[in-house]
Amino acid sequence: MPTYRRNISIIGTGNMARTIGARAVEGGNTVEVMGRDQSKAADLAKALGGGATTGEWGSVPAGDIVIVALLFDGVVPVVAQCGDALAGKVIVDISNPFNSTFDGLAHREETSIAQEVAKAAPAGAGVVKGFNTVFRHVLENGRPDVFIAGDNARAKAGVEAFIKRLGMRPMDAGGLESAHWLEGAGVLTMGLARHGVGGWDFALGVTEVPA
């Protein structure tokens, strides 16, 4: 698939929203920022430059791909609140539902935030898990592999094209049920940062052995 420019809406104004937004602008994509605090959203859009705009909270996002860059406990409620405004959109959940000690998942069932988003999303929306295994500063400065999972082939293809546009390599981990294991991989990165690697300047990736 050609890596043509994408129309991206970002819900959120925090660090990951800023980092993904900056990389998206750098990659020549159009970017819209949406936040509960309209002034924060406007400030972020101005800081991103590149013609980034501000969308009204709860309105239909301008982007075909909607990246929900919120803390995990806010993702599903916001998707449910947006309702039909997200119909036909590709919703990307980037959250990590860590427990209070960052060594396990906050939910005990074999589910994921992305799977819960799919239950709350309107008909016709495609849900993709992605970006959650990459630390923010690595995403900002590096070219890591980006693992994704989802059931909608069209939605995944769009997200893969966007990731390639950022100069990174998308790695398809399978259907949306794999989002549970991607969230577990987020826990793994925390453990490696604290122990095996002893720092935060790395990302999980795939090494292919020549045949």
Protein backbone atom coordinates (compact mmCIF):
# COMPACT_ATOMS: atom_id res chain seq x y z
CA MET A 1 0.00 0.00 0.00
CA PRO A 2 1.40 3.45 -0.85
CA THR A 3 2.32 5.58 2.13
CA TYR A 4 0.23 8.56 1.05
CA ARG A 5 -0.62 11.23 3.58
CA ARG A 6 -3.29 10.41 6.14
CA ASN A 7 -5.91 12.55 7.83
CA ILE A 8 -5.36 12.07 11.55
CA SER A 9 -7.44 13.18 14.53
CA ILE A 10 -5.92 12.89 18.00
CA ILE A 11 -8.15 12.83 21.07
CA GLY A 12 -6.02 14.02 23.96
CA THR A 13 -3.47 16.71 24.75
CA GLY A 14 -0.87 14.84 26.81
CA ASN A 15 2.67 13.71 26.05
CA MET A 16 1.77 10.86 23.68
CA ALA A 17 -0.70 13.08 21.83
CA ARG A 18 2.07 15.64 21.40
CA THR A 19 4.65 13.07 20.28
CA ILE A 20 2.44 11.24 17.79
CA GLY A 21 1.09 14.54 16.55
CA ALA A 22 4.58 15.89 15.95
CA ARG A 23 5.66 12.76 14.10
CA ALA A 24 2.46 12.85 12.05
CA VAL A 25 3.04 16.47 11.03
CA GLU A 26 6.67 15.69 10.25
CA GLY A 27 5.47 12.85 8.01
CA GLY A 28 3.29 15.21 6.00
CA ASN A 29 -0.05 14.09 7.42
CA THR A 30 -2.92 16.42 8.29
CA VAL A 31 -3.54 16.56 12.04
CA GLU A 32 -6.52 17.63 14.14
CA VAL A 33 -6.31 17.86 17.94
CA MET A 34 -9.40 17.33 20.10
CA GLY A 35 -9.52 17.81 23.88
CA ARG A 36 -12.00 18.50 26.64
CA ASP A 37 -10.05 21.66 27.36
CA GLN A 38 -10.34 23.58 24.10
CA SER A 39 -7.53 25.96 25.03
CA LYS A 40 -5.10 23.08 25.64
CA ALA A 41 -6.10 21.53 22.33
CA ALA A 42 -5.56 24.85 20.55
CA ASP A 43 -2.16 25.31 22.23
CA LEU A 44 -1.06 21.84 21.16
CA ALA A 45 -2.24 22.35 17.58
CA LYS A 46 -0.30 25.62 17.45
CA ALA A 47 2.81 23.95 18.88
CA LEU A 48 2.60 21.12 16.32
CA GLY A 49 2.45 23.57 13.41
CA GLY A 50 2.16 22.18 9.92
CA GLY A 51 -1.41 23.40 9.61
CA ALA A 52 -2.63 21.33 12.58
CA THR A 53 -6.18 22.28 13.52
CA THR A 54 -8.40 22.05 16.59
CA GLY A 55 -11.62 20.07 16.57
CA GLU A 56 -14.58 20.61 18.85
CA TRP A 57 -14.92 18.01 21.61
CA GLY A 58 -17.65 15.49 20.77
CA SER A 59 -18.00 16.55 17.14
CA VAL A 60 -17.28 14.30 14.18
CA PRO A 61 -13.47 14.04 13.87
CA ALA A 62 -12.01 15.33 10.63
CA GLY A 63 -9.54 12.46 10.42
CA ASP A 64 -10.19 9.03 8.97
CA ILE A 65 -7.89 7.66 11.69
CA VAL A 66 -8.74 8.72 15.25
CA ILE A 67 -5.96 8.13 17.78
CA VAL A 68 -7.27 8.04 21.34
CA ALA A 69 -4.28 9.26 23.36
CA LEU A 70 -5.76 9.12 26.85
CA LEU A 71 -5.02 7.27 30.08
CA PHE A 72 -6.50 3.79 29.89
CA ASP A 73 -9.43 4.41 32.23
CA GLY A 74 -10.66 7.27 30.07
CA VAL A 75 -10.54 5.54 26.68
CA VAL A 76 -13.75 3.50 26.70
CA PRO A 77 -15.90 6.23 28.32
CA VAL A 78 -14.77 8.78 25.72
CA VAL A 79 -15.43 6.42 22.82
CA ALA A 80 -18.88 5.69 24.24
CA GLN A 81 -19.53 9.41 24.72
CA CYS A 82 -18.50 10.21 21.15
CA GLY A 83 -20.90 7.54 19.89
CA ASP A 84 -21.97 7.93 16.28
CA ALA A 85 -19.40 10.70 15.73
CA LEU A 86 -16.92 7.82 15.33
CA ALA A 87 -19.00 5.82 12.86
CA GLY A 88 -16.88 4.70 9.92
CA LYS A 89 -13.67 5.87 11.58
CA VAL A 90 -10.55 3.87 12.41
CA ILE A 91 -10.08 4.10 16.18
CA VAL A 92 -6.56 3.50 17.48
CA ASP A 93 -6.17 2.68 21.17
CA ILE A 94 -2.61 3.31 22.37
CA SER A 95 -3.19 2.86 26.11
CA ASN A 96 -1.46 0.64 28.63
CA PRO A 97 -3.71 -0.47 31.51
CA PHE A 98 -0.94 -0.88 34.08
CA ASN A 99 -1.73 -1.69 37.69
CA SER A 100 -0.54 0.63 40.45
CA THR A 101 2.93 -0.98 40.60
CA PHE A 102 3.41 -1.19 36.81
CA ASP A 103 4.11 -4.92 36.95
CA GLY A 104 0.75 -6.22 35.78
CA LEU A 105 -2.48 -5.29 34.08
CA ALA A 106 -5.23 -3.33 35.81
CA HIS A 107 -7.91 -5.64 34.39
CA ARG A 108 -7.83 -9.22 35.55
CA GLU A 109 -9.92 -10.71 32.76
CA GLU A 110 -8.43 -11.84 29.45
CA THR A 111 -9.59 -8.75 27.64
CA SER A 112 -8.00 -5.47 26.62
CA ILE A 113 -8.91 -1.81 26.44
CA ALA A 114 -9.08 -2.15 22.66
CA GLN A 115 -11.56 -5.04 22.90
CA GLU A 116 -13.71 -2.99 25.28
CA VAL A 117 -13.48 -0.05 22.86
CA ALA A 118 -14.83 -2.29 20.10
CA LYS A 119 -17.87 -3.04 22.26
CA ALA A 120 -18.50 0.66 22.86
CA ALA A 121 -17.74 1.87 19.32
CA PRO A 122 -20.53 2.49 16.78
CA ALA A 123 -21.20 0.10 13.92
CA GLY A 124 -18.80 0.51 11.04
CA ALA A 125 -15.88 1.72 13.17
CA GLY A 126 -12.67 -0.30 13.01
CA VAL A 127 -10.59 -0.66 16.18
CA VAL A 128 -6.83 -1.15 16.19
CA LYS A 129 -4.45 -1.51 19.12
CA GLY A 130 -1.08 0.09 18.49
CA PHE A 131 1.88 2.15 19.71
CA ASN A 132 1.54 0.89 23.31
CA THR A 133 4.84 -1.05 23.33
CA VAL A 134 6.96 2.02 22.49
CA PHE A 135 8.15 4.50 25.10
CA ARG A 136 7.33 8.09 24.24
CA HIS A 137 10.90 9.36 23.81
CA VAL A 138 11.78 6.34 21.63
CA LEU A 139 8.77 7.10 19.46
CA GLU A 140 9.92 10.71 19.34
CA ASN A 141 13.52 10.04 18.37
CA GLY A 142 13.73 6.55 16.90
CA ARG A 143 12.37 4.28 14.19
CA PRO A 144 10.96 1.39 16.22
CA ASP A 145 8.76 -1.50 15.16
CA VAL A 146 5.14 -0.70 16.00
CA PHE A 147 2.99 -3.71 16.88
CA ILE A 148 -0.69 -3.56 15.99
CA ALA A 149 -3.72 -5.82 16.37
CA GLY A 150 -7.24 -5.63 15.00
CA ASP A 151 -10.04 -7.55 13.31
CA ASN A 152 -10.81 -5.06 10.54
CA ALA A 153 -8.43 -5.52 7.60
CA ARG A 154 -9.21 -2.11 6.12
CA ALA A 155 -8.58 -0.38 9.44
CA LYS A 156 -5.28 -2.18 9.96
CA ALA A 157 -4.14 -1.38 6.42
CA GLY A 158 -4.79 2.32 7.05
CA VAL A 159 -2.87 2.28 10.32
CA GLU A 160 0.00 0.35 8.72
CA ALA A 161 0.22 2.98 5.97
CA PHE A 162 0.28 5.73 8.60
CA ILE A 163 3.06 3.99 10.54
CA LYS A 164 5.11 3.62 7.37
CA ARG A 165 4.54 7.30 6.66
CA LEU A 166 6.24 7.96 10.01
CA GLY A 167 9.29 6.01 8.87
CA MET A 168 8.54 3.08 11.18
CA ARG A 169 7.77 -0.58 10.55
CA PRO A 170 4.28 -1.88 11.39
CA MET A 171 4.13 -5.43 12.70
CA ASP A 172 0.72 -7.13 12.55
CA ALA A 173 0.18 -9.27 15.67
CA GLY A 174 -3.18 -10.64 14.53
CA GLY A 175 -6.80 -10.14 15.51
CA LEU A 176 -8.11 -7.87 18.22
CA GLU A 177 -7.82 -10.65 20.80
CA SER A 178 -4.05 -10.18 20.48
CA ALA A 179 -4.48 -6.69 21.96
CA HIS A 180 -4.53 -8.41 25.38
CA TRP A 181 -1.04 -9.75 24.72
CA LEU A 182 0.17 -6.42 23.35
CA GLU A 183 -0.89 -4.86 26.65
CA GLY A 184 1.08 -7.64 28.35
CA ALA A 185 4.04 -6.69 26.16
CA GLY A 186 3.69 -3.19 27.59
CA VAL A 187 4.17 -4.71 31.05
CA LEU A 188 7.18 -6.60 29.69
CA THR A 189 8.81 -3.39 28.48
CA MET A 190 8.43 -1.92 31.97
CA GLY A 191 10.07 -4.98 33.52
CA LEU A 192 12.94 -4.86 31.03
CA ALA A 193 13.44 -1.15 31.62
CA ARG A 194 13.68 -1.70 35.35
CA HIS A 195 15.79 -4.85 35.27
CA GLY A 196 17.27 -6.48 32.15
CA VAL A 197 17.95 -3.32 30.15
CA GLY A 198 18.19 -0.99 33.10
CA GLY A 199 17.02 2.03 31.14
CA TRP A 200 14.32 3.39 28.88
CA ASP A 201 16.16 3.87 25.58
CA PHE A 202 14.91 0.75 23.78
CA ALA A 203 11.89 -0.74 22.08
CA LEU A 204 10.70 -4.28 21.45
CA GLY A 205 11.23 -5.38 17.87
CA VAL A 206 11.39 -8.32 15.48
CA THR A 207 14.67 -9.69 14.13
CA GLU A 208 14.30 -11.72 10.97
CA VAL A 209 16.90 -14.38 10.25
CA PRO A 210 17.89 -14.68 6.57
CA ALA A 211 16.75 -17.94 4.97
